[in-house]
N, C-alpha and C. Protein backbone atom coordinates (compact mmCIF):
# COMPACT_ATOMS: atom_id res chain seq x y z
N MET A 1 -11.80 1.45 29.92
CA MET A 1 -11.24 1.01 29.01
C MET A 1 -10.54 2.29 28.60
N ILE A 2 -9.42 2.88 28.34
CA ILE A 2 -8.39 4.21 28.10
C ILE A 2 -8.57 4.00 26.89
N SER A 3 -8.11 5.27 26.14
CA SER A 3 -8.42 5.34 25.05
C SER A 3 -7.38 6.27 24.27
N ILE A 4 -6.39 5.60 22.90
CA ILE A 4 -5.22 6.77 22.31
C ILE A 4 -6.12 7.82 22.14
N ASN A 5 -4.99 8.48 22.26
CA ASN A 5 -5.01 10.14 21.25
C ASN A 5 -5.51 9.84 20.41
N ASN A 6 -6.39 10.58 19.97
CA ASN A 6 -6.97 10.38 18.43
C ASN A 6 -6.55 11.53 17.64
N LYS A 7 -5.40 11.64 18.01
CA LYS A 7 -4.17 11.98 16.69
C LYS A 7 -3.08 11.94 16.40
N ALA A 8 -3.67 10.21 17.33
CA ALA A 8 -2.16 9.08 17.02
C ALA A 8 -2.50 8.82 15.65
N ARG A 9 -1.19 9.08 14.96
CA ARG A 9 -0.91 7.78 13.49
C ARG A 9 0.10 6.78 13.57
N ILE A 10 -0.30 6.03 12.81
CA ILE A 10 1.11 4.55 12.12
C ILE A 10 2.07 6.12 11.83
N GLY A 11 3.00 5.83 11.91
CA GLY A 11 4.29 6.50 11.09
C GLY A 11 5.11 5.89 10.66
N HIS A 12 5.06 5.09 10.47
CA HIS A 12 6.10 3.95 9.93
C HIS A 12 6.15 2.76 9.50
N VAL A 13 6.47 1.69 8.74
CA VAL A 13 6.39 0.71 9.18
C VAL A 13 7.81 0.05 8.22
N HIS A 14 8.63 -1.10 8.77
CA HIS A 14 9.83 -1.41 8.47
C HIS A 14 9.68 -2.63 8.51
N LEU A 15 9.52 -3.44 6.76
CA LEU A 15 10.30 -4.72 6.07
C LEU A 15 10.81 -5.06 6.29
N LYS A 16 10.89 -6.42 6.44
CA LYS A 16 12.38 -7.42 6.62
C LYS A 16 12.75 -7.66 5.28
N VAL A 17 13.13 -7.80 4.47
CA VAL A 17 13.24 -7.74 2.88
C VAL A 17 14.82 -8.85 2.39
N SER A 18 14.28 -9.45 1.84
CA SER A 18 15.51 -10.93 0.98
C SER A 18 16.55 -9.81 0.49
N SER A 19 16.17 -8.49 0.15
CA SER A 19 17.59 -8.05 -0.54
C SER A 19 16.51 -6.57 -1.37
N ILE A 20 17.73 -5.51 -0.87
CA ILE A 20 17.48 -3.59 -0.51
C ILE A 20 17.06 -3.47 -2.29
N ASP A 21 18.25 -4.21 -2.76
CA ASP A 21 18.05 -3.69 -4.97
C ASP A 21 16.64 -4.33 -4.91
N GLN A 22 16.22 -5.41 -4.85
CA GLN A 22 14.91 -5.54 -5.33
C GLN A 22 13.65 -4.70 -4.57
N SER A 23 14.25 -4.47 -3.71
CA SER A 23 12.78 -3.85 -2.68
C SER A 23 12.80 -2.56 -3.22
N LEU A 24 14.02 -2.08 -3.58
CA LEU A 24 14.35 -0.54 -3.76
C LEU A 24 13.66 0.01 -5.51
N ASN A 25 13.39 -1.49 -6.28
CA ASN A 25 13.14 -1.19 -7.54
C ASN A 25 11.28 -1.42 -7.87
N PHE A 26 11.41 -2.50 -6.65
CA PHE A 26 9.59 -2.60 -7.03
C PHE A 26 9.07 -0.39 -5.71
N TYR A 27 9.70 -0.89 -4.80
CA TYR A 27 8.71 0.37 -4.33
C TYR A 27 9.15 2.08 -4.48
N CYS A 28 10.11 2.21 -5.50
CA CYS A 28 10.83 3.48 -5.66
C CYS A 28 10.07 3.26 -7.16
N GLY A 29 11.22 2.08 -7.85
CA GLY A 29 10.94 2.10 -9.45
C GLY A 29 9.48 2.10 -9.89
N ILE A 30 8.54 0.99 -9.13
CA ILE A 30 7.49 0.95 -9.83
C ILE A 30 5.99 1.78 -8.92
N LEU A 31 6.07 2.24 -7.52
CA LEU A 31 5.30 2.83 -6.81
C LEU A 31 5.69 4.13 -6.09
N GLY A 32 7.05 4.45 -6.82
CA GLY A 32 7.35 6.01 -7.00
C GLY A 32 7.44 6.45 -5.96
N PHE A 33 7.83 5.81 -4.68
CA PHE A 33 8.51 6.50 -3.19
C PHE A 33 10.36 6.99 -3.91
N GLN A 34 10.67 7.51 -2.71
CA GLN A 34 11.67 7.82 -3.14
C GLN A 34 12.47 8.11 -1.70
N LEU A 35 13.97 7.17 -2.79
CA LEU A 35 14.99 7.33 -1.68
C LEU A 35 15.42 7.60 -1.11
N LYS A 36 15.53 8.34 0.73
CA LYS A 36 15.74 9.28 1.68
C LYS A 36 17.11 9.32 2.07
N GLN A 37 17.51 7.22 2.00
CA GLN A 37 19.13 6.98 2.79
C GLN A 37 18.85 5.02 2.62
N ARG A 38 20.42 5.16 2.26
CA ARG A 38 20.46 4.05 2.20
C ARG A 38 21.86 3.50 2.98
N ILE A 39 21.59 2.20 3.09
CA ILE A 39 22.98 2.21 4.05
C ILE A 39 23.20 0.97 3.46
N GLY A 40 24.03 0.69 2.43
CA GLY A 40 25.29 -0.39 1.85
C GLY A 40 23.62 -1.10 1.15
N ASN A 41 24.37 -2.80 1.42
CA ASN A 41 22.94 -3.50 1.23
C ASN A 41 22.10 -4.28 2.49
N SER A 42 22.31 -3.37 3.92
CA SER A 42 21.19 -3.80 4.20
C SER A 42 20.48 -2.98 4.77
N ALA A 43 20.08 -1.31 4.40
CA ALA A 43 18.97 -0.24 5.04
C ALA A 43 18.87 -0.08 4.27
N ALA A 44 17.69 -0.01 3.99
CA ALA A 44 16.96 2.37 3.11
C ALA A 44 15.68 2.59 3.53
N PHE A 45 15.94 3.02 3.27
CA PHE A 45 14.63 4.86 4.36
C PHE A 45 13.91 5.34 2.73
N ILE A 46 12.81 5.04 2.65
CA ILE A 46 11.86 5.70 1.56
C ILE A 46 10.67 6.06 1.98
N ALA A 47 9.97 7.43 1.15
CA ALA A 47 9.19 8.33 1.84
C ALA A 47 7.99 8.38 0.58
N ALA A 48 7.35 9.17 0.97
CA ALA A 48 6.61 9.59 -0.10
C ALA A 48 6.49 11.81 0.30
N GLY A 49 7.30 11.82 -1.01
CA GLY A 49 7.93 13.29 -0.13
C GLY A 49 8.40 13.78 0.71
N ASP A 50 8.32 14.97 1.83
CA ASP A 50 9.84 15.58 2.51
C ASP A 50 9.65 14.24 3.42
N TYR A 51 8.73 13.87 3.86
CA TYR A 51 8.92 13.09 5.36
C TYR A 51 9.92 12.28 5.33
N HIS A 52 11.22 12.04 6.95
CA HIS A 52 12.04 11.04 6.74
C HIS A 52 12.02 9.67 6.26
N HIS A 53 11.05 9.28 6.52
CA HIS A 53 10.48 7.49 5.65
C HIS A 53 9.39 7.18 6.77
N HIS A 54 8.32 6.64 5.26
CA HIS A 54 7.34 5.77 5.33
C HIS A 54 7.37 4.53 5.27
N ILE A 55 8.28 3.86 5.34
CA ILE A 55 8.87 2.25 4.38
C ILE A 55 10.07 2.73 4.73
N GLY A 56 11.63 1.53 6.14
CA GLY A 56 12.26 1.55 6.15
C GLY A 56 12.17 -0.28 6.01
N LEU A 57 12.85 -0.82 5.04
CA LEU A 57 13.91 -2.02 4.27
C LEU A 57 14.94 -2.08 5.28
N ASN A 58 15.36 -3.31 5.15
CA ASN A 58 16.21 -4.09 5.94
C ASN A 58 16.40 -5.49 5.49
N THR A 59 17.51 -6.35 5.77
CA THR A 59 18.05 -7.26 4.91
C THR A 59 19.15 -7.50 6.58
N TRP A 60 18.37 -6.99 7.68
CA TRP A 60 19.48 -7.59 9.00
C TRP A 60 19.16 -9.20 9.07
N GLU A 61 18.16 -9.52 9.32
CA GLU A 61 17.64 -11.07 9.34
C GLU A 61 17.56 -11.70 8.28
N SER A 62 17.53 -11.56 7.57
CA SER A 62 16.77 -11.68 5.94
C SER A 62 17.54 -11.05 4.46
N SER A 63 18.34 -11.13 4.61
CA SER A 63 19.35 -11.07 3.36
C SER A 63 19.12 -12.64 2.53
N ASN A 64 18.58 -12.81 1.63
CA ASN A 64 18.16 -13.77 0.65
C ASN A 64 17.58 -15.10 1.47
N GLY A 65 16.87 -13.91 2.33
CA GLY A 65 16.11 -15.36 3.29
C GLY A 65 14.46 -15.57 1.76
N THR A 66 13.79 -16.28 2.17
CA THR A 66 12.63 -16.88 1.57
C THR A 66 11.19 -16.31 2.26
N HIS A 67 10.34 -16.08 1.57
CA HIS A 67 9.35 -15.29 2.28
C HIS A 67 8.49 -16.65 2.82
N PRO A 68 7.58 -15.56 3.89
CA PRO A 68 6.75 -16.04 4.99
C PRO A 68 6.19 -17.66 4.65
N PRO A 69 6.00 -18.71 5.37
CA PRO A 69 5.31 -20.07 5.10
C PRO A 69 4.03 -19.55 5.01
N ILE A 70 3.14 -19.43 4.27
CA ILE A 70 1.42 -19.97 4.27
C ILE A 70 1.00 -19.93 5.83
N GLY A 71 0.07 -19.43 6.54
CA GLY A 71 -0.65 -20.03 8.06
C GLY A 71 0.45 -19.80 9.48
N SER A 72 1.48 -18.90 8.58
CA SER A 72 2.41 -18.50 9.79
C SER A 72 2.14 -16.73 10.60
N THR A 73 2.06 -16.37 11.52
CA THR A 73 1.30 -14.67 11.98
C THR A 73 2.66 -14.70 11.28
N GLY A 74 2.33 -12.85 11.27
CA GLY A 74 3.21 -11.95 10.50
C GLY A 74 1.84 -10.89 9.85
N LEU A 75 2.74 -9.79 9.03
CA LEU A 75 1.88 -8.36 8.95
C LEU A 75 1.58 -9.12 7.60
N TYR A 76 0.00 -9.05 7.95
CA TYR A 76 -0.81 -9.38 6.68
C TYR A 76 -1.37 -8.25 5.89
N HIS A 77 -0.91 -6.72 6.04
CA HIS A 77 -0.37 -5.94 4.68
C HIS A 77 -0.08 -4.87 5.34
N LEU A 78 0.15 -4.11 4.03
CA LEU A 78 0.56 -2.51 4.30
C LEU A 78 -0.22 -1.98 3.68
N ALA A 79 -1.40 -0.83 3.70
CA ALA A 79 -1.38 0.13 3.83
C ALA A 79 -1.20 1.09 3.43
N ILE A 80 -0.74 1.55 1.84
CA ILE A 80 -0.91 2.75 1.34
C ILE A 80 -1.66 3.43 0.90
N LEU A 81 -1.74 4.90 1.36
CA LEU A 81 -3.49 6.05 1.68
C LEU A 81 -2.81 7.12 -0.15
N TYR A 82 -3.87 6.66 -0.88
CA TYR A 82 -3.28 7.70 -2.01
C TYR A 82 -4.64 8.73 -1.68
N PRO A 83 -3.99 10.13 -2.48
CA PRO A 83 -5.35 11.20 -1.62
C PRO A 83 -6.05 11.19 -2.74
N GLU A 84 -6.13 10.79 -4.22
CA GLU A 84 -7.27 10.88 -4.65
C GLU A 84 -7.26 9.90 -5.50
N ARG A 85 -8.43 9.33 -6.60
CA ARG A 85 -8.78 8.19 -6.68
C ARG A 85 -7.60 8.32 -8.31
N ARG A 86 -7.16 9.14 -8.56
CA ARG A 86 -6.73 9.27 -9.72
C ARG A 86 -5.05 8.64 -9.07
N ASP A 87 -4.88 9.26 -8.33
CA ASP A 87 -3.26 8.65 -7.71
C ASP A 87 -3.21 6.87 -8.02
N LEU A 88 -4.92 6.81 -7.24
CA LEU A 88 -5.14 5.07 -7.15
C LEU A 88 -4.65 4.51 -8.75
N ALA A 89 -5.28 5.67 -9.05
CA ALA A 89 -5.54 5.03 -10.64
C ALA A 89 -3.90 4.83 -11.70
N ASP A 90 -3.61 5.74 -11.27
CA ASP A 90 -2.26 5.89 -11.36
C ASP A 90 -0.89 4.52 -11.48
N ALA A 91 -1.19 4.12 -9.82
CA ALA A 91 -0.70 3.02 -9.48
C ALA A 91 -0.32 1.55 -10.10
N LEU A 92 -2.11 1.91 -10.54
CA LEU A 92 -2.98 0.28 -10.64
C LEU A 92 -2.39 0.57 -12.65
N HIS A 93 -1.75 1.77 -12.92
CA HIS A 93 -1.31 1.55 -14.47
C HIS A 93 0.22 0.77 -14.37
N ARG A 94 0.27 1.97 -13.38
CA ARG A 94 2.15 1.19 -13.82
C ARG A 94 2.30 0.05 -12.84
N LEU A 95 1.63 -0.70 -12.31
CA LEU A 95 1.62 -2.16 -11.85
C LEU A 95 0.85 -2.84 -13.49
N MET A 96 1.02 -2.83 -13.71
CA MET A 96 0.27 -3.05 -15.63
C MET A 96 1.03 -2.96 -15.71
N GLN A 97 2.00 -1.71 -16.04
CA GLN A 97 2.69 -1.90 -17.40
C GLN A 97 3.59 -2.66 -16.98
N ASN A 98 4.25 -3.05 -15.43
CA ASN A 98 5.41 -4.04 -15.18
C ASN A 98 4.99 -5.19 -15.07
N ASN A 99 3.90 -5.71 -15.41
CA ASN A 99 3.46 -6.79 -15.00
C ASN A 99 3.23 -7.32 -13.78
N ILE A 100 2.86 -6.68 -12.64
CA ILE A 100 2.21 -7.06 -11.88
C ILE A 100 1.11 -7.93 -10.84
N SER A 101 0.74 -8.95 -10.80
CA SER A 101 -0.30 -9.27 -10.53
C SER A 101 -1.31 -8.68 -9.23
N LEU A 102 -2.61 -8.11 -9.34
CA LEU A 102 -2.95 -7.75 -8.44
C LEU A 102 -3.58 -9.63 -7.25
N THR A 103 -4.23 -9.34 -6.45
CA THR A 103 -4.31 -10.47 -5.61
C THR A 103 -5.87 -10.19 -5.46
N GLY A 104 -6.23 -9.24 -5.58
CA GLY A 104 -7.35 -8.20 -5.30
C GLY A 104 -8.16 -6.81 -5.63
N ALA A 105 -9.23 -6.75 -5.63
CA ALA A 105 -9.73 -5.13 -5.85
C ALA A 105 -10.86 -5.30 -5.02
N SER A 106 -10.98 -4.20 -4.72
CA SER A 106 -12.22 -4.50 -3.45
C SER A 106 -12.88 -2.66 -4.10
N ASP A 107 -14.37 -2.96 -3.44
CA ASP A 107 -14.61 -1.28 -3.27
C ASP A 107 -15.50 -2.03 -1.95
N HIS A 108 -15.22 -1.24 -1.06
CA HIS A 108 -15.29 -1.70 1.05
C HIS A 108 -16.78 -0.08 0.71
N GLY A 109 -16.99 0.72 -0.49
CA GLY A 109 -17.66 1.98 -0.09
C GLY A 109 -17.03 2.90 0.61
N VAL A 110 -16.22 2.99 1.40
CA VAL A 110 -15.86 3.98 1.91
C VAL A 110 -14.28 4.13 1.45
N SER A 111 -13.85 2.92 0.61
CA SER A 111 -12.96 3.41 -0.12
C SER A 111 -12.69 2.29 -1.49
N GLU A 112 -11.81 2.32 -1.40
CA GLU A 112 -11.59 1.65 -3.23
C GLU A 112 -9.91 0.54 -3.24
N ALA A 113 -9.98 -0.43 -2.64
CA ALA A 113 -8.70 -1.16 -3.21
C ALA A 113 -7.85 -1.62 -3.67
N LEU A 114 -6.66 -1.66 -4.15
CA LEU A 114 -5.65 -2.57 -4.59
C LEU A 114 -5.30 -3.46 -4.02
N TYR A 115 -4.84 -4.90 -4.19
CA TYR A 115 -4.14 -5.61 -3.27
C TYR A 115 -3.27 -6.74 -3.84
N LEU A 116 -1.90 -6.57 -3.34
CA LEU A 116 -1.11 -7.24 -3.83
C LEU A 116 -0.04 -7.30 -3.10
N ASP A 117 1.56 -8.61 -3.84
CA ASP A 117 2.22 -8.61 -3.19
C ASP A 117 3.28 -7.90 -3.50
N ASP A 118 4.48 -7.56 -2.46
CA ASP A 118 5.64 -7.08 -2.98
C ASP A 118 6.41 -8.09 -3.32
N PRO A 119 7.51 -8.36 -4.16
CA PRO A 119 8.51 -8.69 -4.33
C PRO A 119 8.90 -10.24 -3.18
N ASP A 120 8.94 -9.91 -1.90
CA ASP A 120 9.21 -10.03 -0.42
C ASP A 120 7.95 -10.90 0.09
N SER A 121 6.64 -11.13 -0.65
CA SER A 121 5.57 -11.59 -0.17
C SER A 121 4.87 -11.11 0.97
N ASN A 122 4.83 -9.86 1.53
CA ASN A 122 4.57 -8.74 1.95
C ASN A 122 3.38 -8.38 1.45
N GLY A 123 2.14 -8.62 2.14
CA GLY A 123 1.05 -8.03 1.32
C GLY A 123 1.02 -6.26 1.32
N LEU A 124 0.58 -5.94 0.24
CA LEU A 124 0.02 -4.65 0.53
C LEU A 124 -1.40 -4.33 -0.33
N GLU A 125 -1.59 -3.34 0.34
CA GLU A 125 -3.43 -2.42 0.06
C GLU A 125 -2.76 -0.94 -0.26
N LEU A 126 -3.48 -0.38 -2.27
CA LEU A 126 -3.18 0.31 -2.35
C LEU A 126 -4.54 0.92 -2.12
N TYR A 127 -4.46 1.77 -1.66
CA TYR A 127 -6.32 2.31 -1.67
C TYR A 127 -6.51 3.85 -1.56
N TRP A 128 -7.46 4.82 -1.56
CA TRP A 128 -8.20 5.83 -1.46
C TRP A 128 -9.15 5.75 -0.79
N ASP A 129 -8.97 6.86 0.21
CA ASP A 129 -10.98 7.11 1.10
C ASP A 129 -11.57 7.58 -0.33
N ARG A 130 -13.28 7.86 -0.02
CA ARG A 130 -14.30 8.24 -0.39
C ARG A 130 -13.82 9.45 0.26
N PRO A 131 -15.16 10.55 -0.12
CA PRO A 131 -14.65 11.35 0.90
C PRO A 131 -15.98 11.19 2.00
N GLU A 132 -16.06 11.42 3.60
CA GLU A 132 -16.30 11.10 4.38
C GLU A 132 -17.71 11.64 4.16
N ASN A 133 -18.63 12.32 3.49
CA ASN A 133 -19.77 12.12 2.98
C ASN A 133 -21.12 11.05 2.25
N LYS A 134 -19.83 9.92 1.47
CA LYS A 134 -20.19 9.60 0.93
C LYS A 134 -19.95 7.98 1.05
N TRP A 135 -19.44 7.84 2.58
CA TRP A 135 -19.37 7.07 3.17
C TRP A 135 -21.09 6.09 3.31
N PRO A 136 -20.96 4.54 3.05
CA PRO A 136 -22.47 4.29 3.29
C PRO A 136 -22.30 4.41 4.93
N ARG A 137 -24.51 4.72 4.73
CA ARG A 137 -24.15 4.64 6.84
C ARG A 137 -26.00 4.35 6.45
N ASP A 138 -26.46 3.43 7.54
CA ASP A 138 -27.89 2.78 7.43
C ASP A 138 -28.49 4.15 8.47
N GLU A 139 -29.78 4.07 8.82
CA GLU A 139 -30.75 5.03 8.79
C GLU A 139 -30.24 5.61 10.02
N ASN A 140 -29.53 5.05 11.53
CA ASN A 140 -28.52 6.06 12.36
C ASN A 140 -27.47 6.25 12.24
N ASN A 141 -27.60 6.66 11.22
CA ASN A 141 -26.41 7.21 10.79
C ASN A 141 -24.55 6.30 10.95
N ASN A 142 -24.67 4.73 11.24
CA ASN A 142 -23.55 4.15 11.51
C ASN A 142 -23.18 3.76 10.41
N LEU A 143 -21.58 3.56 10.41
CA LEU A 143 -20.89 3.36 8.80
C LEU A 143 -21.50 1.59 8.42
N GLN A 144 -21.70 1.10 6.94
CA GLN A 144 -22.48 -0.17 6.89
C GLN A 144 -20.80 -0.08 5.30
N MET A 145 -19.66 -0.32 5.76
CA MET A 145 -19.07 -0.86 4.41
C MET A 145 -19.63 -2.24 4.58
N TYR A 146 -18.76 -2.71 2.87
CA TYR A 146 -18.85 -3.71 2.24
C TYR A 146 -17.74 -3.84 1.15
N THR A 147 -17.80 -5.25 1.18
CA THR A 147 -16.84 -5.53 -0.22
C THR A 147 -17.32 -6.21 -1.11
N LYS A 148 -17.23 -5.33 -2.15
CA LYS A 148 -17.81 -5.46 -4.07
C LYS A 148 -16.48 -5.58 -4.49
N GLN A 149 -16.65 -5.98 -5.59
CA GLN A 149 -16.05 -6.17 -6.91
C GLN A 149 -15.31 -4.60 -7.34
N LEU A 150 -13.90 -3.91 -7.45
CA LEU A 150 -13.78 -2.76 -7.68
C LEU A 150 -14.22 -3.03 -9.58
N ASP A 151 -14.51 -1.98 -9.86
CA ASP A 151 -14.58 -1.46 -11.31
C ASP A 151 -13.19 -1.28 -11.68
N ILE A 152 -12.08 -1.80 -11.88
CA ILE A 152 -10.85 -1.08 -12.43
C ILE A 152 -10.87 -0.67 -14.16
N ASN A 153 -11.86 -1.03 -14.64
CA ASN A 153 -11.93 -0.07 -15.46
C ASN A 153 -12.40 1.51 -15.75
N SER A 154 -13.53 1.65 -14.55
CA SER A 154 -14.06 2.78 -13.86
C SER A 154 -12.36 3.26 -13.27
N LEU A 155 -12.00 2.79 -12.82
CA LEU A 155 -10.75 3.33 -11.98
C LEU A 155 -9.67 4.25 -13.04
N LEU A 156 -9.11 2.99 -13.98
CA LEU A 156 -9.14 3.65 -15.32
C LEU A 156 -9.38 4.93 -15.57
N GLU A 157 -10.58 5.18 -15.91
CA GLU A 157 -11.04 6.21 -16.59
C GLU A 157 -10.57 7.89 -15.82
N GLU A 158 -10.08 7.27 -14.27
CA GLU A 158 -9.51 8.46 -13.75
C GLU A 158 -8.41 9.19 -14.14
N LEU A 159 -7.85 8.55 -15.62
CA LEU A 159 -6.56 9.47 -16.44
C LEU A 159 -6.84 9.60 -17.14
N ASN A 160 -7.98 9.16 -18.56
CA ASN A 160 -7.83 9.75 -19.45
C ASN A 160 -6.80 10.91 -19.50
N TYR A 161 -5.92 9.55 -20.49
CA TYR A 161 -5.23 10.48 -21.20
C TYR A 161 -4.93 10.90 -22.85
N SER A 162 -6.20 10.95 -22.96
CA SER A 162 -6.72 11.88 -24.07
C SER A 162 -6.27 13.38 -24.29
């Protein structure tokens, strides 16, 4: 079996969307990504920090399009990794302030994750990884990931606004 170089990473994702403005309002206005470049109403490139783009948005084949039907193939979800638990809590707080519903919230042992859909029904996972030394393992040191209900209140306590 051929192995990929272990330094390979997912560089960016490009999403077909129905409206650039609607997507920018969500990804930049709520999640906090920064607009790097916009090409009229046909494309936009956004990033966290100084990278050229983490997410491309385009309407080249999808302007005013409909959501993909349930049962069709395509992207299951895009996962956005936050560096700290507090950053994930801040994202949750922003979603709540904007009345954006979650489709799920899970503790996987190695990570804590929030699940939701963007305005075009693209699935999103917002998550943070626990430090590797806290990952659940069996007696042979094999990973033992699981899915349990995430304690939302504990996550929000990270914000400690007092």
